Amino acid sequence: MATEPNDIEQALARRYEAGFITDIESESLPPGLNEDIVRALSAKKHEPEWMTEWRLAAYRRFITMPMPNWAKLQIAPIDLQAISYYSAPKGPKYKSLDEVPQELIDTYDKLG
């Protein structure tokens, strides 16, 4: 059974039902991936120096690797410098689930 162009247009026009946004204040690193970002990410997580070095070694290896093309897809290249690789909610660290705002609990409920 062939897919009609009208079927495709209708599917593309529909709202993505699994997508949602929870608008909460967050702290994010700037977009892009480089050694400074890797170090900042490690610092945000309070990681030991050996972990930072391990991340840097992985990053250095990653930047030498070509993007996979085994699927032979005709898609635009991914701009990895347009992505922020760290974002976390601002605010206190909660000691119990009773302290977590209902909005965040609702988000986790949506995720299943």
PDB file of N, CA and C in Angstrom:
ATOM      1  N   MET A   1       0.847  -1.178   0.000  1.00  0.00           N
ATOM      2  CA  MET A   1       0.000   0.000   0.000  1.00  0.00           C
ATOM      3  C   MET A   1       0.892   1.241   0.000  1.00  0.00           C
ATOM      4  N   ALA A   2       0.735   2.078  -0.974  1.00  0.00           N
ATOM      5  CA  ALA A   2       1.534   3.289  -1.090  1.00  0.00           C
ATOM      6  C   ALA A   2       0.970   4.378  -0.185  1.00  0.00           C
ATOM      7  N   THR A   3       1.867   5.194   0.341  1.00  0.00           N
ATOM      8  CA  THR A   3       1.455   6.323   1.169  1.00  0.00           C
ATOM      9  C   THR A   3       1.158   7.501   0.259  1.00  0.00           C
ATOM     10  N   GLU A   4      -0.003   8.075   0.419  1.00  0.00           N
ATOM     11  CA  GLU A   4      -0.406   9.219  -0.386  1.00  0.00           C
ATOM     12  C   GLU A   4       0.233  10.492   0.166  1.00  0.00           C
ATOM     13  N   PRO A   5       0.597  11.438  -0.716  1.00  0.00           N
ATOM     14  CA  PRO A   5       1.180  12.703  -0.233  1.00  0.00           C
ATOM     15  C   PRO A   5       0.291  13.415   0.780  1.00  0.00           C
ATOM     16  N   ASN A   6      -1.022  13.324   0.616  1.00  0.00           N
ATOM     17  CA  ASN A   6      -1.944  13.975   1.547  1.00  0.00           C
ATOM     18  C   ASN A   6      -1.830  13.361   2.944  1.00  0.00           C
ATOM     19  N   ASP A   7      -1.625  12.038   3.021  1.00  0.00           N
ATOM     20  CA  ASP A   7      -1.452  11.364   4.312  1.00  0.00           C
ATOM     21  C   ASP A   7      -0.216  11.887   5.035  1.00  0.00           C
ATOM     22  N   ILE A   8       0.847  12.076   4.282  1.00  0.00           N
ATOM     23  CA  ILE A   8       2.098  12.574   4.863  1.00  0.00           C
ATOM     24  C   ILE A   8       1.913  13.999   5.369  1.00  0.00           C
ATOM     25  N   GLU A   9       1.260  14.827   4.576  1.00  0.00           N
ATOM     26  CA  GLU A   9       1.024  16.216   4.983  1.00  0.00           C
ATOM     27  C   GLU A   9       0.181  16.282   6.254  1.00  0.00           C
ATOM     28  N   GLN A  10      -0.828  15.431   6.345  1.00  0.00           N
ATOM     29  CA  GLN A  10      -1.670  15.407   7.540  1.00  0.00           C
ATOM     30  C   GLN A  10      -0.870  14.969   8.765  1.00  0.00           C
ATOM     31  N   ALA A  11      -0.028  13.972   8.586  1.00  0.00           N
ATOM     32  CA  ALA A  11       0.792  13.490   9.706  1.00  0.00           C
ATOM     33  C   ALA A  11       1.757  14.576  10.172  1.00  0.00           C
ATOM     34  N   LEU A  12       2.355  15.299   9.240  1.00  0.00           N
ATOM     35  CA  LEU A  12       3.302  16.354   9.594  1.00  0.00           C
ATOM     36  C   LEU A  12       2.612  17.547  10.251  1.00  0.00           C
ATOM     37  N   ALA A  13       1.353  17.773   9.931  1.00  0.00           N
ATOM     38  CA  ALA A  13       0.622  18.914  10.486  1.00  0.00           C
ATOM     39  C   ALA A  13       0.122  18.650  11.906  1.00  0.00           C
ATOM     40  N   ARG A  14       0.057  17.378  12.314  1.00  0.00           N
ATOM     41  CA  ARG A  14      -0.442  17.049  13.655  1.00  0.00           C
ATOM     42  C   ARG A  14       0.552  17.483  14.724  1.00  0.00           C
ATOM     43  N   ARG A  15      -0.007  17.837  15.871  1.00  0.00           N
ATOM     44  CA  ARG A  15       0.811  18.178  17.039  1.00  0.00           C
ATOM     45  C   ARG A  15       1.487  16.908  17.538  1.00  0.00           C
ATOM     46  N   TYR A  16       2.741  17.022  17.935  1.00  0.00           N
ATOM     47  CA  TYR A  16       3.484  15.884  18.480  1.00  0.00           C
ATOM     48  C   TYR A  16       2.981  15.627  19.889  1.00  0.00           C
ATOM     49  N   GLU A  17       2.242  14.552  20.068  1.00  0.00           N
ATOM     50  CA  GLU A  17       1.551  14.306  21.328  1.00  0.00           C
ATOM     51  C   GLU A  17       2.477  13.904  22.466  1.00  0.00           C
ATOM     52  N   ALA A  18       3.631  13.342  22.162  1.00  0.00           N
ATOM     53  CA  ALA A  18       4.546  12.903  23.220  1.00  0.00           C
ATOM     54  C   ALA A  18       5.464  14.031  23.692  1.00  0.00           C
ATOM     55  N   GLY A  19       5.438  15.168  23.018  1.00  0.00           N
ATOM     56  CA  GLY A  19       6.320  16.273  23.386  1.00  0.00           C
ATOM     57  C   GLY A  19       5.664  17.232  24.362  1.00  0.00           C
ATOM     58  N   PHE A  20       6.474  17.786  25.242  1.00  0.00           N
ATOM     59  CA  PHE A  20       5.984  18.783  26.188  1.00  0.00           C
ATOM     60  C   PHE A  20       7.176  19.546  26.744  1.00  0.00           C
ATOM     61  N   ILE A  21       6.885  20.691  27.341  1.00  0.00           N
ATOM     62  CA  ILE A  21       7.915  21.523  27.962  1.00  0.00           C
ATOM     63  C   ILE A  21       7.459  21.857  29.373  1.00  0.00           C
ATOM     64  N   THR A  22       8.360  21.733  30.324  1.00  0.00           N
ATOM     65  CA  THR A  22       8.101  22.186  31.682  1.00  0.00           C
ATOM     66  C   THR A  22       8.958  23.427  31.888  1.00  0.00           C
ATOM     67  N   ASP A  23       8.312  24.561  32.044  1.00  0.00           N
ATOM     68  CA  ASP A  23       9.023  25.833  32.134  1.00  0.00           C
ATOM     69  C   ASP A  23       9.491  26.058  33.571  1.00  0.00           C
ATOM     70  N   ILE A  24      10.742  25.690  33.842  1.00  0.00           N
ATOM     71  CA  ILE A  24      11.334  25.925  35.158  1.00  0.00           C
ATOM     72  C   ILE A  24      12.651  26.660  34.965  1.00  0.00           C
ATOM     73  N   GLU A  25      13.027  27.430  35.955  1.00  0.00           N
ATOM     74  CA  GLU A  25      14.279  28.170  35.887  1.00  0.00           C
ATOM     75  C   GLU A  25      15.435  27.175  35.952  1.00  0.00           C
ATOM     76  N   SER A  26      16.393  27.350  35.055  1.00  0.00           N
ATOM     77  CA  SER A  26      17.511  26.409  35.026  1.00  0.00           C
ATOM     78  C   SER A  26      18.829  27.135  34.799  1.00  0.00           C
ATOM     79  N   GLU A  27      19.883  26.427  35.085  1.00  0.00           N
ATOM     80  CA  GLU A  27      21.241  26.911  34.840  1.00  0.00           C
ATOM     81  C   GLU A  27      21.831  26.019  33.758  1.00  0.00           C
ATOM     82  N   SER A  28      22.312  26.629  32.679  1.00  0.00           N
ATOM     83  CA  SER A  28      22.834  25.864  31.550  1.00  0.00           C
ATOM     84  C   SER A  28      24.208  26.370  31.152  1.00  0.00           C
ATOM     85  N   LEU A  29      25.002  25.480  30.611  1.00  0.00           N
ATOM     86  CA  LEU A  29      26.261  25.896  30.001  1.00  0.00           C
ATOM     87  C   LEU A  29      25.947  26.438  28.617  1.00  0.00           C
ATOM     88  N   PRO A  30      26.786  27.329  28.086  1.00  0.00           N
ATOM     89  CA  PRO A  30      26.518  27.851  26.748  1.00  0.00           C
ATOM     90  C   PRO A  30      26.606  26.733  25.706  1.00  0.00           C
ATOM     91  N   PRO A  31      25.938  26.912  24.575  1.00  0.00           N
ATOM     92  CA  PRO A  31      26.019  25.903  23.520  1.00  0.00           C
ATOM     93  C   PRO A  31      27.453  25.728  23.038  1.00  0.00           C
ATOM     94  N   GLY A  32      27.738  24.547  22.560  1.00  0.00           N
ATOM     95  CA  GLY A  32      29.048  24.245  22.006  1.00  0.00           C
ATOM     96  C   GLY A  32      29.739  23.159  22.791  1.00  0.00           C
ATOM     97  N   LEU A  33      30.714  22.554  22.148  1.00  0.00           N
ATOM     98  CA  LEU A  33      31.483  21.505  22.791  1.00  0.00           C
ATOM     99  C   LEU A  33      32.955  21.746  22.501  1.00  0.00           C
ATOM    100  N   ASN A  34      33.709  21.965  23.571  1.00  0.00           N
ATOM    101  CA  ASN A  34      35.150  22.149  23.476  1.00  0.00           C
ATOM    102  C   ASN A  34      35.741  21.770  24.837  1.00  0.00           C
ATOM    103  N   GLU A  35      37.050  21.883  24.981  1.00  0.00           N
ATOM    104  CA  GLU A  35      37.679  21.463  26.235  1.00  0.00           C
ATOM    105  C   GLU A  35      37.218  22.307  27.424  1.00  0.00           C
ATOM    106  N   ASP A  36      36.964  23.589  27.211  1.00  0.00           N
ATOM    107  CA  ASP A  36      36.471  24.429  28.315  1.00  0.00           C
ATOM    108  C   ASP A  36      35.099  23.958  28.795  1.00  0.00           C
ATOM    109  N   ILE A  37      34.235  23.593  27.871  1.00  0.00           N
ATOM    110  CA  ILE A  37      32.905  23.087  28.234  1.00  0.00           C
ATOM    111  C   ILE A  37      33.037  21.765  28.980  1.00  0.00           C
ATOM    112  N   VAL A  38      33.918  20.900  28.524  1.00  0.00           N
ATOM    113  CA  VAL A  38      34.125  19.612  29.201  1.00  0.00           C
ATOM    114  C   VAL A  38      34.600  19.851  30.630  1.00  0.00           C
ATOM    115  N   ARG A  39      35.538  20.774  30.803  1.00  0.00           N
ATOM    116  CA  ARG A  39      36.028  21.090  32.153  1.00  0.00           C
ATOM    117  C   ARG A  39      34.913  21.689  33.026  1.00  0.00           C
ATOM    118  N   ALA A  40      34.122  22.585  32.442  1.00  0.00           N
ATOM    119  CA  ALA A  40      33.026  23.210  33.193  1.00  0.00           C
ATOM    120  C   ALA A  40      31.987  22.169  33.608  1.00  0.00           C
ATOM    121  N   LEU A  41      31.689  21.248  32.724  1.00  0.00           N
ATOM    122  CA  LEU A  41      30.739  20.181  33.045  1.00  0.00           C
ATOM    123  C   LEU A  41      31.247  19.343  34.210  1.00  0.00           C
ATOM    124  N   SER A  42      32.504  18.992  34.157  1.00  0.00           N
ATOM    125  CA  SER A  42      33.107  18.192  35.224  1.00  0.00           C
ATOM    126  C   SER A  42      33.105  18.971  36.545  1.00  0.00           C
ATOM    127  N   ALA A  43      33.384  20.262  36.483  1.00  0.00           N
ATOM    128  CA  ALA A  43      33.381  21.091  37.695  1.00  0.00           C
ATOM    129  C   ALA A  43      31.973  21.191  38.286  1.00  0.00           C
ATOM    130  N   LYS A  44      30.961  21.360  37.428  1.00  0.00           N
ATOM    131  CA  LYS A  44      29.576  21.437  37.909  1.00  0.00           C
ATOM    132  C   LYS A  44      29.194  20.178  38.672  1.00  0.00           C
ATOM    133  N   LYS A  45      29.740  19.056  38.250  1.00  0.00           N
ATOM    134  CA  LYS A  45      29.408  17.781  38.878  1.00  0.00           C
ATOM    135  C   LYS A  45      30.351  17.443  40.038  1.00  0.00           C
ATOM    136  N   HIS A  46      31.284  18.365  40.338  1.00  0.00           N
ATOM    137  CA  HIS A  46      32.249  18.167  41.436  1.00  0.00           C
ATOM    138  C   HIS A  46      33.012  16.843  41.286  1.00  0.00           C
ATOM    139  N   GLU A  47      33.453  16.593  40.055  1.00  0.00           N
ATOM    140  CA  GLU A  47      34.141  15.333  39.778  1.00  0.00           C
ATOM    141  C   GLU A  47      35.621  15.428  40.126  1.00  0.00           C
ATOM    142  N   PRO A  48      36.239  14.310  40.461  1.00  0.00           N
ATOM    143  CA  PRO A  48      37.680  14.314  40.726  1.00  0.00           C
ATOM    144  C   PRO A  48      38.462  14.572  39.432  1.00  0.00           C
ATOM    145  N   GLU A  49      39.708  14.973  39.591  1.00  0.00           N
ATOM    146  CA  GLU A  49      40.548  15.324  38.440  1.00  0.00           C
ATOM    147  C   GLU A  49      40.675  14.175  37.442  1.00  0.00           C
ATOM    148  N   TRP A  50      40.777  12.937  37.945  1.00  0.00           N
ATOM    149  CA  TRP A  50      40.928  11.806  37.021  1.00  0.00           C
ATOM    150  C   TRP A  50      39.715  11.680  36.101  1.00  0.00           C
ATOM    151  N   MET A  51      38.518  12.036  36.601  1.00  0.00           N
ATOM    152  CA  MET A  51      37.318  11.964  35.771  1.00  0.00           C
ATOM    153  C   MET A  51      37.337  13.067  34.717  1.00  0.00           C
ATOM    154  N   THR A  52      37.796  14.252  35.102  1.00  0.00           N
ATOM    155  CA  THR A  52      37.926  15.339  34.132  1.00  0.00           C
ATOM    156  C   THR A  52      38.881  14.935  33.021  1.00  0.00           C
ATOM    157  N   GLU A  53      40.018  14.362  33.388  1.00  0.00           N
ATOM    158  CA  GLU A  53      40.989  13.917  32.380  1.00  0.00           C
ATOM    159  C   GLU A  53      40.404  12.821  31.495  1.00  0.00           C
ATOM    160  N   TRP A  54      39.632  11.930  32.074  1.00  0.00           N
ATOM    161  CA  TRP A  54      38.992  10.859  31.308  1.00  0.00           C
ATOM    162  C   TRP A  54      38.004  11.452  30.300  1.00  0.00           C
ATOM    163  N   ARG A  55      37.212  12.444  30.753  1.00  0.00           N
ATOM    164  CA  ARG A  55      36.270  13.124  29.852  1.00  0.00           C
ATOM    165  C   ARG A  55      37.016  13.840  28.717  1.00  0.00           C
ATOM    166  N   LEU A  56      38.123  14.510  29.067  1.00  0.00           N
ATOM    167  CA  LEU A  56      38.898  15.223  28.044  1.00  0.00           C
ATOM    168  C   LEU A  56      39.483  14.262  27.022  1.00  0.00           C
ATOM    169  N   ALA A  57      39.972  13.118  27.477  1.00  0.00           N
ATOM    170  CA  ALA A  57      40.505  12.113  26.548  1.00  0.00           C
ATOM    171  C   ALA A  57      39.396  11.616  25.614  1.00  0.00           C
ATOM    172  N   ALA A  58      38.209  11.399  26.169  1.00  0.00           N
ATOM    173  CA  ALA A  58      37.078  10.957  25.348  1.00  0.00           C
ATOM    174  C   ALA A  58      36.696  12.042  24.341  1.00  0.00           C
ATOM    175  N   TYR A  59      36.683  13.303  24.778  1.00  0.00           N
ATOM    176  CA  TYR A  59      36.364  14.410  23.874  1.00  0.00           C
ATOM    177  C   TYR A  59      37.389  14.494  22.743  1.00  0.00           C
ATOM    178  N   ARG A  60      38.664  14.398  23.080  1.00  0.00           N
ATOM    179  CA  ARG A  60      39.717  14.478  22.050  1.00  0.00           C
ATOM    180  C   ARG A  60      39.578  13.351  21.031  1.00  0.00           C
ATOM    181  N   ARG A  61      39.191  12.188  21.488  1.00  0.00           N
ATOM    182  CA  ARG A  61      38.960  11.066  20.576  1.00  0.00           C
ATOM    183  C   ARG A  61      37.727  11.345  19.717  1.00  0.00           C
ATOM    184  N   PHE A  62      36.664  11.839  20.354  1.00  0.00           N
ATOM    185  CA  PHE A  62      35.407  12.106  19.664  1.00  0.00           C
ATOM    186  C   PHE A  62      35.595  13.068  18.492  1.00  0.00           C
ATOM    187  N   ILE A  63      36.367  14.146  18.692  1.00  0.00           N
ATOM    188  CA  ILE A  63      36.496  15.152  17.626  1.00  0.00           C
ATOM    189  C   ILE A  63      37.278  14.640  16.423  1.00  0.00           C
ATOM    190  N   THR A  64      37.962  13.522  16.553  1.00  0.00           N
ATOM    191  CA  THR A  64      38.679  12.949  15.408  1.00  0.00           C
ATOM    192  C   THR A  64      37.816  11.976  14.614  1.00  0.00           C
ATOM    193  N   MET A  65      36.655  11.645  15.144  1.00  0.00           N
ATOM    194  CA  MET A  65      35.813  10.621  14.521  1.00  0.00           C
ATOM    195  C   MET A  65      34.862  11.232  13.498  1.00  0.00           C
ATOM    196  N   PRO A  66      34.693  10.574  12.350  1.00  0.00           N
ATOM    197  CA  PRO A  66      33.708  11.057  11.377  1.00  0.00           C
ATOM    198  C   PRO A  66      32.293  10.716  11.846  1.00  0.00           C
ATOM    199  N   MET A  67      31.333  11.492  11.369  1.00  0.00           N
ATOM    200  CA  MET A  67      29.935  11.165  11.666  1.00  0.00           C
ATOM    201  C   MET A  67      29.588   9.861  10.949  1.00  0.00           C
ATOM    202  N   PRO A  68      28.842   8.989  11.589  1.00  0.00           N
ATOM    203  CA  PRO A  68      28.471   7.720  10.949  1.00  0.00           C
ATOM    204  C   PRO A  68      27.631   7.960   9.698  1.00  0.00           C
ATOM    205  N   ASN A  69      27.832   7.145   8.694  1.00  0.00           N
ATOM    206  CA  ASN A  69      27.024   7.261   7.475  1.00  0.00           C
ATOM    207  C   ASN A  69      26.521   5.898   7.008  1.00  0.00           C
ATOM    208  N   TRP A  70      26.528   4.919   7.890  1.00  0.00           N
ATOM    209  CA  TRP A  70      26.138   3.567   7.514  1.00  0.00           C
ATOM    210  C   TRP A  70      24.679   3.456   7.095  1.00  0.00           C
ATOM    211  N   ALA A  71      23.835   4.352   7.549  1.00  0.00           N
ATOM    212  CA  ALA A  71      22.414   4.262   7.201  1.00  0.00           C
ATOM    213  C   ALA A  71      22.119   4.862   5.829  1.00  0.00           C
ATOM    214  N   LYS A  72      23.087   5.544   5.238  1.00  0.00           N
ATOM    215  CA  LYS A  72      22.923   6.170   3.919  1.00  0.00           C
ATOM    216  C   LYS A  72      21.720   7.115   3.876  1.00  0.00           C
ATOM    217  N   LEU A  73      21.523   7.843   4.966  1.00  0.00           N
ATOM    218  CA  LEU A  73      20.418   8.790   5.039  1.00  0.00           C
ATOM    219  C   LEU A  73      20.803  10.107   4.385  1.00  0.00           C
ATOM    220  N   GLN A  74      19.843  10.765   3.817  1.00  0.00           N
ATOM    221  CA  GLN A  74      20.049  12.078   3.219  1.00  0.00           C
ATOM    222  C   GLN A  74      19.539  13.134   4.199  1.00  0.00           C
ATOM    223  N   ILE A  75      20.312  13.393   5.244  1.00  0.00           N
ATOM    224  CA  ILE A  75      19.918  14.379   6.246  1.00  0.00           C
ATOM    225  C   ILE A  75      21.029  15.413   6.401  1.00  0.00           C
ATOM    226  N   ALA A  76      20.629  16.586   6.853  1.00  0.00           N
ATOM    227  CA  ALA A  76      21.614  17.652   7.067  1.00  0.00           C
ATOM    228  C   ALA A  76      22.539  17.259   8.214  1.00  0.00           C
ATOM    229  N   PRO A  77      23.790  17.697   8.162  1.00  0.00           N
ATOM    230  CA  PRO A  77      24.708  17.400   9.267  1.00  0.00           C
ATOM    231  C   PRO A  77      24.192  17.988  10.583  1.00  0.00           C
ATOM    232  N   ILE A  78      24.468  17.316  11.673  1.00  0.00           N
ATOM    233  CA  ILE A  78      24.071  17.800  12.993  1.00  0.00           C
ATOM    234  C   ILE A  78      25.076  18.852  13.440  1.00  0.00           C
ATOM    235  N   ASP A  79      24.583  20.013  13.846  1.00  0.00           N
ATOM    236  CA  ASP A  79      25.456  21.076  14.341  1.00  0.00           C
ATOM    237  C   ASP A  79      25.677  20.860  15.835  1.00  0.00           C
ATOM    238  N   LEU A  80      26.727  20.138  16.179  1.00  0.00           N
ATOM    239  CA  LEU A  80      27.007  19.812  17.572  1.00  0.00           C
ATOM    240  C   LEU A  80      27.395  21.039  18.391  1.00  0.00           C
ATOM    241  N   GLN A  81      27.748  22.137  17.725  1.00  0.00           N
ATOM    242  CA  GLN A  81      28.098  23.365  18.439  1.00  0.00           C
ATOM    243  C   GLN A  81      26.856  24.187  18.804  1.00  0.00           C
ATOM    244  N   ALA A  82      25.686  23.760  18.352  1.00  0.00           N
ATOM    245  CA  ALA A  82      24.441  24.478  18.660  1.00  0.00           C
ATOM    246  C   ALA A  82      23.721  23.884  19.866  1.00  0.00           C
ATOM    247  N   ILE A  83      24.285  22.833  20.454  1.00  0.00           N
ATOM    248  CA  ILE A  83      23.648  22.116  21.556  1.00  0.00           C
ATOM    249  C   ILE A  83      24.295  22.517  22.874  1.00  0.00           C
ATOM    250  N   SER A  84      23.467  22.709  23.904  1.00  0.00           N
ATOM    251  CA  SER A  84      23.996  22.893  25.256  1.00  0.00           C
ATOM    252  C   SER A  84      24.058  21.516  25.903  1.00  0.00           C
ATOM    253  N   TYR A  85      25.212  21.167  26.439  1.00  0.00           N
ATOM    254  CA  TYR A  85      25.439  19.824  26.960  1.00  0.00           C
ATOM    255  C   TYR A  85      25.224  19.716  28.470  1.00  0.00           C
ATOM    256  N   TYR A  86      24.751  20.784  29.096  1.00  0.00           N
ATOM    257  CA  TYR A  86      24.455  20.733  30.527  1.00  0.00           C
ATOM    258  C   TYR A  86      23.343  21.715  30.844  1.00  0.00           C
ATOM    259  N   SER A  87      22.340  21.237  31.531  1.00  0.00           N
ATOM    260  CA  SER A  87      21.275  22.093  32.040  1.00  0.00           C
ATOM    261  C   SER A  87      20.696  21.421  33.273  1.00  0.00           C
ATOM    262  N   ALA A  88      20.526  22.196  34.331  1.00  0.00           N
ATOM    263  CA  ALA A  88      19.982  21.661  35.581  1.00  0.00           C
ATOM    264  C   ALA A  88      19.054  22.702  36.191  1.00  0.00           C
ATOM    265  N   PRO A  89      18.023  22.254  36.876  1.00  0.00           N
ATOM    266  CA  PRO A  89      17.121  23.203  37.526  1.00  0.00           C
ATOM    267  C   PRO A  89      17.854  24.032  38.575  1.00  0.00           C
ATOM    268  N   LYS A  90      17.520  25.325  38.634  1.00  0.00           N
ATOM    269  CA  LYS A  90      18.036  26.165  39.717  1.00  0.00           C
ATOM    270  C   LYS A  90      17.202  25.900  40.954  1.00  0.00           C
ATOM    271  N   GLY A  91      17.753  26.220  42.073  1.00  0.00           N
ATOM    272  CA  GLY A  91      16.968  26.089  43.292  1.00  0.00           C
ATOM    273  C   GLY A  91      17.604  25.140  44.278  1.00  0.00           C
ATOM    274  N   PRO A  92      16.897  24.910  45.354  1.00  0.00           N
ATOM    275  CA  PRO A  92      17.462  24.097  46.433  1.00  0.00           C
ATOM    276  C   PRO A  92      17.527  22.616  46.068  1.00  0.00           C
ATOM    277  N   LYS A  93      18.357  21.906  46.788  1.00  0.00           N
ATOM    278  CA  LYS A  93      18.394  20.446  46.704  1.00  0.00           C
ATOM    279  C   LYS A  93      17.356  19.943  47.695  1.00  0.00           C
ATOM    280  N   TYR A  94      16.434  19.167  47.215  1.00  0.00           N
ATOM    281  CA  TYR A  94      15.351  18.697  48.076  1.00  0.00           C
ATOM    282  C   TYR A  94      15.784  17.472  48.866  1.00  0.00           C
ATOM    283  N   LYS A  95      15.358  17.431  50.113  1.00  0.00           N
ATOM    284  CA  LYS A  95      15.708  16.312  50.993  1.00  0.00           C
ATOM    285  C   LYS A  95      14.683  15.188  50.924  1.00  0.00           C
ATOM    286  N   SER A  96      13.468  15.515  50.491  1.00  0.00           N
ATOM    287  CA  SER A  96      12.442  14.480  50.372  1.00  0.00           C
ATOM    288  C   SER A  96      11.511  14.830  49.217  1.00  0.00           C
ATOM    289  N   LEU A  97      10.787  13.854  48.757  1.00  0.00           N
ATOM    290  CA  LEU A  97       9.848  14.051  47.662  1.00  0.00           C
ATOM    291  C   LEU A  97       8.739  15.030  48.044  1.00  0.00           C
ATOM    292  N   ASP A  98       8.457  15.140  49.321  1.00  0.00           N
ATOM    293  CA  ASP A  98       7.420  16.064  49.790  1.00  0.00           C
ATOM    294  C   ASP A  98       7.787  17.524  49.529  1.00  0.00           C
ATOM    295  N   GLU A  99       9.073  17.822  49.385  1.00  0.00           N
ATOM    296  CA  GLU A  99       9.535  19.193  49.156  1.00  0.00           C
ATOM    297  C   GLU A  99       9.543  19.576  47.674  1.00  0.00           C
ATOM    298  N   VAL A 100       9.469  18.606  46.790  1.00  0.00           N
ATOM    299  CA  VAL A 100       9.569  18.859  45.349  1.00  0.00           C
ATOM    300  C   VAL A 100       8.283  19.524  44.861  1.00  0.00           C
ATOM    301  N   PRO A 101       8.403  20.620  44.074  1.00  0.00           N
ATOM    302  CA  PRO A 101       7.207  21.282  43.550  1.00  0.00           C
ATOM    303  C   PRO A 101       6.362  20.320  42.702  1.00  0.00           C
ATOM    304  N   GLN A 102       5.066  20.483  42.787  1.00  0.00           N
ATOM    305  CA  GLN A 102       4.145  19.598  42.065  1.00  0.00           C
ATOM    306  C   GLN A 102       4.419  19.614  40.565  1.00  0.00           C
ATOM    307  N   GLU A 103       4.822  20.760  40.029  1.00  0.00           N
ATOM    308  CA  GLU A 103       5.113  20.877  38.599  1.00  0.00           C
ATOM    309  C   GLU A 103       6.196  19.884  38.166  1.00  0.00           C
ATOM    310  N   LEU A 104       7.229  19.703  38.988  1.00  0.00           N
ATOM    311  CA  LEU A 104       8.280  18.746  38.654  1.00  0.00           C
ATOM    312  C   LEU A 104       7.787  17.309  38.787  1.00  0.00           C
ATOM    313  N   ILE A 105       6.992  17.044  39.780  1.00  0.00           N
ATOM    314  CA  ILE A 105       6.426  15.698  39.938  1.00  0.00           C
ATOM    315  C   ILE A 105       5.542  15.367  38.740  1.00  0.00           C
ATOM    316  N   ASP A 106       4.753  16.335  38.282  1.00  0.00           N
ATOM    317  CA  ASP A 106       3.905  16.126  37.104  1.00  0.00           C
ATOM    318  C   ASP A 106       4.746  15.808  35.870  1.00  0.00           C
ATOM    319  N   THR A 107       5.899  16.472  35.735  1.00  0.00           N
ATOM    320  CA  THR A 107       6.791  16.192  34.609  1.00  0.00           C
ATOM    321  C   THR A 107       7.273  14.751  34.653  1.00  0.00           C
ATOM    322  N   TYR A 108       7.715  14.304  35.795  1.00  0.00           N
ATOM    323  CA  TYR A 108       8.178  12.917  35.920  1.00  0.00           C
ATOM    324  C   TYR A 108       7.044  11.933  35.668  1.00  0.00           C
ATOM    325  N   ASP A 109       5.835  12.276  36.075  1.00  0.00           N
ATOM    326  CA  ASP A 109       4.684  11.413  35.802  1.00  0.00           C
ATOM    327  C   ASP A 109       4.432  11.294  34.301  1.00  0.00           C
ATOM    328  N   LYS A 110       4.603  12.400  33.564  1.00  0.00           N
ATOM    329  CA  LYS A 110       4.431  12.360  32.108  1.00  0.00           C
ATOM    330  C   LYS A 110       5.468  11.455  31.455  1.00  0.00           C
ATOM    331  N   LEU A 111       6.678  11.453  32.010  1.00  0.00           N
ATOM    332  CA  LEU A 111       7.750  10.636  31.443  1.00  0.00           C
ATOM    333  C   LEU A 111       7.529   9.150  31.687  1.00  0.00           C
ATOM    334  N   GLY A 112       6.705   8.845  32.666  1.00  0.00           N
ATOM    335  CA  GLY A 112       6.400   7.432  32.955  1.00  0.00           C
ATOM    336  C   GLY A 112       7.347   6.886  33.924  1.00  0.00           C
TER     337      GLY A 112
END
